[in-house]
C-alpha cells in the first residue's frame, strides 16, 4: 500500500486472478496528482501482470465514489505548464484504462463528480448503487470537462453529455446514468452491489483470457489518438484555469468551502 497525502492506492490479487484496485482520500475520494499517477501506474502494472484476469476498480468508504481532482491543488495553479500537468492526471488514468489489456469493472458505491464520472466511463463495465448520482461541475468554476469529454461522450452520447455539462450545478440520478449508458447495472444498496461485482468478476475470470483481451481491443477501437487528444485537452483546461473569471470563481468557492473539492 502506498500512502500519499493521507490517501492511498492498493492492489490486491486473489487466487482466481481478480485484481481489486482501490483508491481512497479523506476529502470525498478526491484525487491529488500523486494519487492519480499512482492509480494510473497501478492499472498499467495490473494490465501487464499475467496472473491477473480481470480488474475491479473501486474507492474506499461507503459514500462518495470520487469527487474529482484535488481542489487544493487546483487553486494553486499559477502557470500554463503546471495547469496542463494538473489536468493530465485524469488523462493518464483514462489512457491507462484504455490501454490496459484486462477488462475493468467499476464499482461505484456513491456520487461521482467531474473526474469521478470520467473514471466510471473509463471502465469497460460499470455497476453502481441507487445513490450513485453524477455531476459535471466544471463550467460552474470557469473551466470545462475537456479531458474527460471523449470518454464520457463515448459512453453516453453527445446529447446526454451536453445535458450533463450544461446543467453543471445539478446532479443526475443513477437511473439517468443507467438509461444513458454510463452505468450498466444499478443496485439497491452496497451489499447488493458487492454481490453483483463478485459474481461478475468471478464469471469473467473464468473466461478465455485471449478472448477477453480481444474484446478489450474491440471496445476501444477508434481511440488510438487519445494520448495526444487528452494531452491537448489538458492544455486547454490548464490555460483556462488562469483566466480572471476562473480565478474569481475559485476564490469564491474556496471562501465558501476551503477543504472541499468542486462539486
Protein backbone atom coordinates (compact mmCIF):
# COMPACT_ATOMS: atom_id res chain seq x y z
CA UNK A 1 0.00 0.00 0.00
CA UNK A 2 1.25 3.47 -0.83
CA UNK A 3 0.09 6.27 1.43
CA UNK A 4 0.23 9.73 -0.11
CA UNK A 5 -1.24 12.91 1.40
CA UNK A 6 -3.50 10.84 3.69
CA UNK A 7 -4.72 8.87 0.70
CA UNK A 8 -3.75 5.55 -0.77
CA UNK A 9 -3.93 3.26 -3.75
CA UNK A 10 -3.91 -0.51 -3.24
CA UNK A 11 -3.99 -3.57 -5.47
CA UNK A 12 -5.00 -6.98 -4.12
CA UNK A 13 -4.98 -10.11 -6.30
CA UNK A 14 -6.90 -13.21 -5.25
CA UNK A 15 -6.29 -16.80 -6.30
CA UNK A 16 -8.91 -16.52 -9.07
CA UNK A 17 -6.90 -13.85 -10.85
CA UNK A 18 -9.16 -10.98 -9.83
CA UNK A 19 -7.26 -7.77 -9.05
CA UNK A 20 -9.08 -5.23 -6.90
CA UNK A 21 -7.59 -1.77 -7.30
CA UNK A 22 -8.83 0.62 -4.61
CA UNK A 23 -8.20 4.32 -4.09
CA UNK A 24 -9.05 6.43 -1.08
CA UNK A 25 -8.71 10.02 0.04
CA UNK A 26 -10.40 11.55 3.09
CA UNK A 27 -11.66 14.52 1.04
CA UNK A 28 -14.54 12.57 -0.51
CA UNK A 29 -12.13 10.43 -2.52
CA UNK A 30 -10.91 13.42 -4.49
CA UNK A 31 -7.59 12.65 -6.11
CA UNK A 32 -4.42 14.78 -5.92
CA UNK A 33 -1.91 14.48 -8.74
CA UNK A 34 0.35 12.00 -6.99
CA UNK A 35 -2.53 9.62 -6.26
CA UNK A 36 -3.72 9.91 -9.86
CA UNK A 37 -0.26 8.94 -11.06
CA UNK A 38 -0.18 6.06 -8.58
CA UNK A 39 -3.58 4.92 -9.84
CA UNK A 40 -2.51 5.10 -13.49
CA UNK A 41 0.69 3.15 -12.76
CA UNK A 42 -1.20 0.51 -10.77
CA UNK A 43 -3.69 -0.04 -13.60
CA UNK A 44 -0.84 -0.30 -16.11
CA UNK A 45 1.04 -2.80 -13.94
CA UNK A 46 -2.11 -4.90 -13.47
CA UNK A 47 -2.65 -4.93 -17.22
CA UNK A 48 0.85 -6.34 -17.70
CA UNK A 49 0.53 -8.97 -14.97
CA UNK A 50 -0.17 -12.39 -16.50
CA UNK A 51 -1.57 -13.64 -13.18
CA UNK A 52 -4.46 -11.17 -13.44
CA UNK A 53 -7.54 -11.99 -15.50
CA UNK A 54 -9.91 -9.15 -14.61
CA UNK A 55 -9.69 -5.86 -12.70
CA UNK A 56 -12.19 -4.33 -10.28
CA UNK A 57 -11.76 -0.57 -9.79
CA UNK A 58 -13.28 0.83 -6.61
CA UNK A 59 -12.90 3.54 -3.99
CA UNK A 60 -12.89 3.40 -0.21
CA UNK A 61 -15.76 4.22 2.11
CA UNK A 62 -19.50 3.90 1.68
CA UNK A 63 -20.37 7.35 0.35
CA UNK A 64 -18.74 9.34 -2.48
CA UNK A 65 -17.11 7.26 -5.21
CA UNK A 66 -14.91 10.13 -6.39
CA UNK A 67 -15.26 13.91 -6.05
CA UNK A 68 -12.84 14.57 -8.89
CA UNK A 69 -9.41 16.16 -8.81
CA UNK A 70 -7.95 17.85 -5.74
CA UNK A 71 -9.38 21.33 -5.28
CA UNK A 72 -6.47 22.27 -3.03
CA UNK A 73 -4.09 21.70 -5.95
CA UNK A 74 -6.38 23.39 -8.46
CA UNK A 75 -6.34 26.72 -6.62
CA UNK A 76 -2.53 26.70 -6.51
CA UNK A 77 -2.03 26.64 -10.30
CA UNK A 78 -0.18 29.76 -11.42
CA UNK A 79 1.16 28.95 -14.91
CA UNK A 80 0.13 27.05 -18.05
CA UNK A 81 2.66 24.27 -17.64
CA UNK A 82 1.51 23.45 -14.12
CA UNK A 83 -2.10 23.66 -15.26
CA UNK A 84 -1.57 21.23 -18.13
CA UNK A 85 0.24 18.82 -15.82
CA UNK A 86 -2.56 19.01 -13.26
CA UNK A 87 -5.29 18.26 -15.79
CA UNK A 88 -3.22 15.45 -17.28
CA UNK A 89 -3.79 13.45 -14.09
CA UNK A 90 -7.15 12.04 -15.09
CA UNK A 91 -5.99 11.83 -18.71
CA UNK A 92 -3.25 9.44 -17.61
CA UNK A 93 -5.72 7.27 -15.69
CA UNK A 94 -8.17 7.17 -18.60
CA UNK A 95 -5.42 6.21 -21.01
CA UNK A 96 -4.16 3.56 -18.60
CA UNK A 97 -7.65 2.04 -18.54
CA UNK A 98 -7.88 2.30 -22.32
CA UNK A 99 -4.55 0.57 -22.96
CA UNK A 100 -4.88 -1.99 -20.17
CA UNK A 101 -5.18 -5.48 -21.65
CA UNK A 102 -7.64 -6.61 -18.97
CA UNK A 103 -11.37 -5.93 -18.69
CA UNK A 104 -12.03 -3.35 -15.97
CA UNK A 105 -15.18 -3.42 -13.84
CA UNK A 106 -16.00 -0.22 -11.93
CA UNK A 107 -17.78 -0.43 -8.58
CA UNK A 108 -19.48 2.94 -7.97
CA UNK A 109 -21.00 3.00 -4.50
CA UNK A 110 -21.86 6.71 -4.31
CA UNK A 111 -21.73 10.09 -6.00
CA UNK A 112 -19.29 10.78 -8.83
CA UNK A 113 -18.31 14.34 -9.70
CA UNK A 114 -16.11 15.66 -12.52
CA UNK A 115 -13.18 13.33 -12.98
CA UNK A 116 -15.04 10.70 -10.99
CA UNK A 117 -17.54 10.48 -13.84
CA UNK A 118 -14.57 10.05 -16.17
CA UNK A 119 -13.31 7.12 -14.10
CA UNK A 120 -16.69 5.40 -14.30
CA UNK A 121 -16.77 5.95 -18.06
CA UNK A 122 -13.22 4.62 -18.49
CA UNK A 123 -14.24 1.23 -17.13
CA UNK A 124 -15.41 -1.45 -19.53
CA UNK A 125 -18.42 -2.31 -17.37
CA UNK A 126 -19.83 -0.21 -14.54
CA UNK A 127 -22.01 -1.28 -11.61
CA UNK A 128 -23.47 1.29 -9.22
CA UNK A 129 -25.97 1.84 -6.42
CA UNK A 130 -29.11 3.96 -6.44
CA UNK A 131 -27.12 6.59 -4.50
CA UNK A 132 -24.56 6.99 -7.29
CA UNK A 133 -25.76 10.28 -8.75
CA UNK A 134 -23.38 12.10 -11.10
CA UNK A 135 -22.45 15.67 -11.96
CA UNK A 136 -20.02 17.53 -14.20
CA UNK A 137 -19.50 20.79 -12.32
CA UNK A 138 -16.58 22.21 -14.30
CA UNK A 139 -18.48 25.04 -16.03
CA UNK A 140 -19.56 26.33 -12.62
CA UNK A 141 -15.95 27.12 -11.75
CA UNK A 142 -14.98 28.56 -15.10
CA UNK A 143 -13.43 25.56 -16.84
CA UNK A 144 -14.93 22.62 -18.71
CA UNK A 145 -14.82 18.81 -18.67
CA UNK A 146 -12.50 18.80 -21.66
CA UNK A 147 -10.17 15.98 -20.60
CA UNK A 148 -12.94 13.54 -19.74
CA UNK A 149 -15.31 14.55 -22.53
CA UNK A 150 -14.08 11.92 -25.03
CA UNK A 151 -14.50 9.02 -22.62
CA UNK A 152 -17.83 10.21 -21.23
CA UNK A 153 -19.29 11.06 -24.65
CA UNK A 154 -18.18 7.67 -25.90
CA UNK A 155 -20.45 6.06 -23.31
CA UNK A 156 -23.49 8.34 -23.13
CA UNK A 157 -23.50 10.19 -26.46
CA UNK A 158 -23.21 13.88 -27.27
CA UNK A 159 -26.75 14.86 -26.30
CA UNK A 160 -26.55 13.40 -22.81
CA UNK A 161 -23.04 14.76 -22.37
CA UNK A 162 -24.30 18.23 -23.32
CA UNK A 163 -27.05 17.98 -20.72
CA UNK A 164 -24.65 16.79 -18.04
CA UNK A 165 -22.17 19.58 -18.84
CA UNK A 166 -24.59 22.47 -19.25
CA UNK A 167 -26.56 21.56 -16.11
CA UNK A 168 -23.33 21.98 -14.19
CA UNK A 169 -25.00 22.59 -10.82
CA UNK A 170 -27.38 19.63 -10.99
CA UNK A 171 -26.86 16.02 -10.07
CA UNK A 172 -28.33 13.44 -12.42
CA UNK A 173 -29.63 10.25 -10.84
CA UNK A 174 -28.13 6.80 -11.07
CA UNK A 175 -31.16 5.75 -13.09
CA UNK A 176 -30.43 8.56 -15.55
CA UNK A 177 -26.84 7.31 -15.83
CA UNK A 178 -28.16 3.78 -16.41
CA UNK A 179 -30.56 4.92 -19.13
CA UNK A 180 -27.81 6.89 -20.89
CA UNK A 181 -25.30 4.03 -20.79
CA UNK A 182 -22.74 5.23 -18.24
CA UNK A 183 -23.84 2.57 -15.75
CA UNK A 184 -24.54 -0.98 -16.90
CA UNK A 185 -26.29 -2.02 -13.71
CA UNK A 186 -27.80 -0.17 -10.73
CA UNK A 187 -28.38 -1.99 -7.45
CA UNK A 188 -30.44 -1.07 -4.39
CA UNK A 189 -27.61 -0.83 -1.90
CA UNK A 190 -23.93 -1.57 -1.29
CA UNK A 191 -24.39 -5.22 -0.19
CA UNK A 192 -26.30 -5.94 -3.41
CA UNK A 193 -23.63 -4.06 -5.39
CA UNK A 194 -20.84 -6.07 -3.76
CA UNK A 195 -22.59 -9.34 -4.50
CA UNK A 196 -23.04 -8.39 -8.16
CA UNK A 197 -19.40 -7.28 -8.52
CA UNK A 198 -18.11 -10.53 -7.04
CA UNK A 199 -20.37 -12.65 -9.25
CA UNK A 200 -19.44 -10.80 -12.44
CA UNK A 201 -15.69 -10.68 -11.74
CA UNK A 202 -15.63 -14.41 -10.99
CA UNK A 203 -17.52 -15.17 -14.18
CA UNK A 204 -15.18 -13.04 -16.27
CA UNK A 205 -12.11 -14.57 -14.61
CA UNK A 206 -13.29 -17.99 -15.81
CA UNK A 207 -13.34 -16.93 -19.47
CA UNK A 208 -10.58 -17.34 -22.04
CA UNK A 209 -8.00 -14.57 -21.37
CA UNK A 210 -7.30 -14.29 -25.08
CA UNK A 211 -10.96 -13.71 -25.83
CA UNK A 212 -11.17 -11.05 -23.12
CA UNK A 213 -8.07 -9.31 -24.50
CA UNK A 214 -9.58 -9.34 -27.98
CA UNK A 215 -12.84 -7.93 -26.64
CA UNK A 216 -10.95 -5.17 -24.88
CA UNK A 217 -9.39 -4.10 -28.19
CA UNK A 218 -12.76 -4.03 -29.89
CA UNK A 219 -14.34 -1.98 -27.11
CA UNK A 220 -11.72 0.73 -27.51
CA UNK A 221 -11.48 0.84 -31.31
CA UNK A 222 -11.06 4.34 -32.68
CA UNK A 223 -9.34 5.76 -29.58
CA UNK A 224 -5.76 5.25 -30.73
CA UNK A 225 -5.10 9.00 -30.82
CA UNK A 226 -6.16 9.64 -27.24
CA UNK A 227 -2.64 10.08 -25.82
CA UNK A 228 -2.34 13.22 -27.94
CA UNK A 229 -6.01 14.22 -27.75
CA UNK A 230 -6.27 14.17 -23.97
CA UNK A 231 -2.94 15.98 -23.61
CA UNK A 232 -4.30 18.74 -25.85
CA UNK A 233 -7.48 18.91 -23.79
CA UNK A 234 -5.43 19.14 -20.58
CA UNK A 235 -3.55 22.10 -22.03
CA UNK A 236 -6.84 23.88 -22.80
CA UNK A 237 -8.02 23.45 -19.22
CA UNK A 238 -4.61 24.43 -17.90
CA UNK A 239 -4.87 27.75 -19.71
CA UNK A 240 -8.50 28.41 -18.77
CA UNK A 241 -7.82 27.96 -15.07
CA UNK A 242 -5.57 31.04 -15.19
CA UNK A 243 -8.33 33.33 -16.52
CA UNK A 244 -9.69 36.12 -14.30
CA UNK A 245 -13.15 34.59 -14.44
CA UNK A 246 -11.97 31.19 -13.20
CA UNK A 247 -9.70 32.66 -10.55
CA UNK A 248 -12.62 34.67 -9.14
CA UNK A 249 -14.86 31.60 -9.21
CA UNK A 250 -12.22 29.50 -7.46
CA UNK A 251 -11.65 32.12 -4.78
CA UNK A 252 -15.38 32.33 -4.17
CA UNK A 253 -15.62 28.57 -3.83
CA UNK A 254 -12.55 28.48 -1.60
CA UNK A 255 -14.02 31.06 0.75
CA UNK A 256 -17.28 29.15 0.93
CA UNK A 257 -15.76 25.68 1.39
CA UNK A 258 -11.99 25.74 1.83
CA UNK A 259 -11.46 21.99 2.22
CA UNK A 260 -13.80 20.63 -0.40
CA UNK A 261 -13.36 19.59 -3.99
CA UNK A 262 -15.56 21.33 -6.58
CA UNK A 263 -18.99 19.73 -6.74
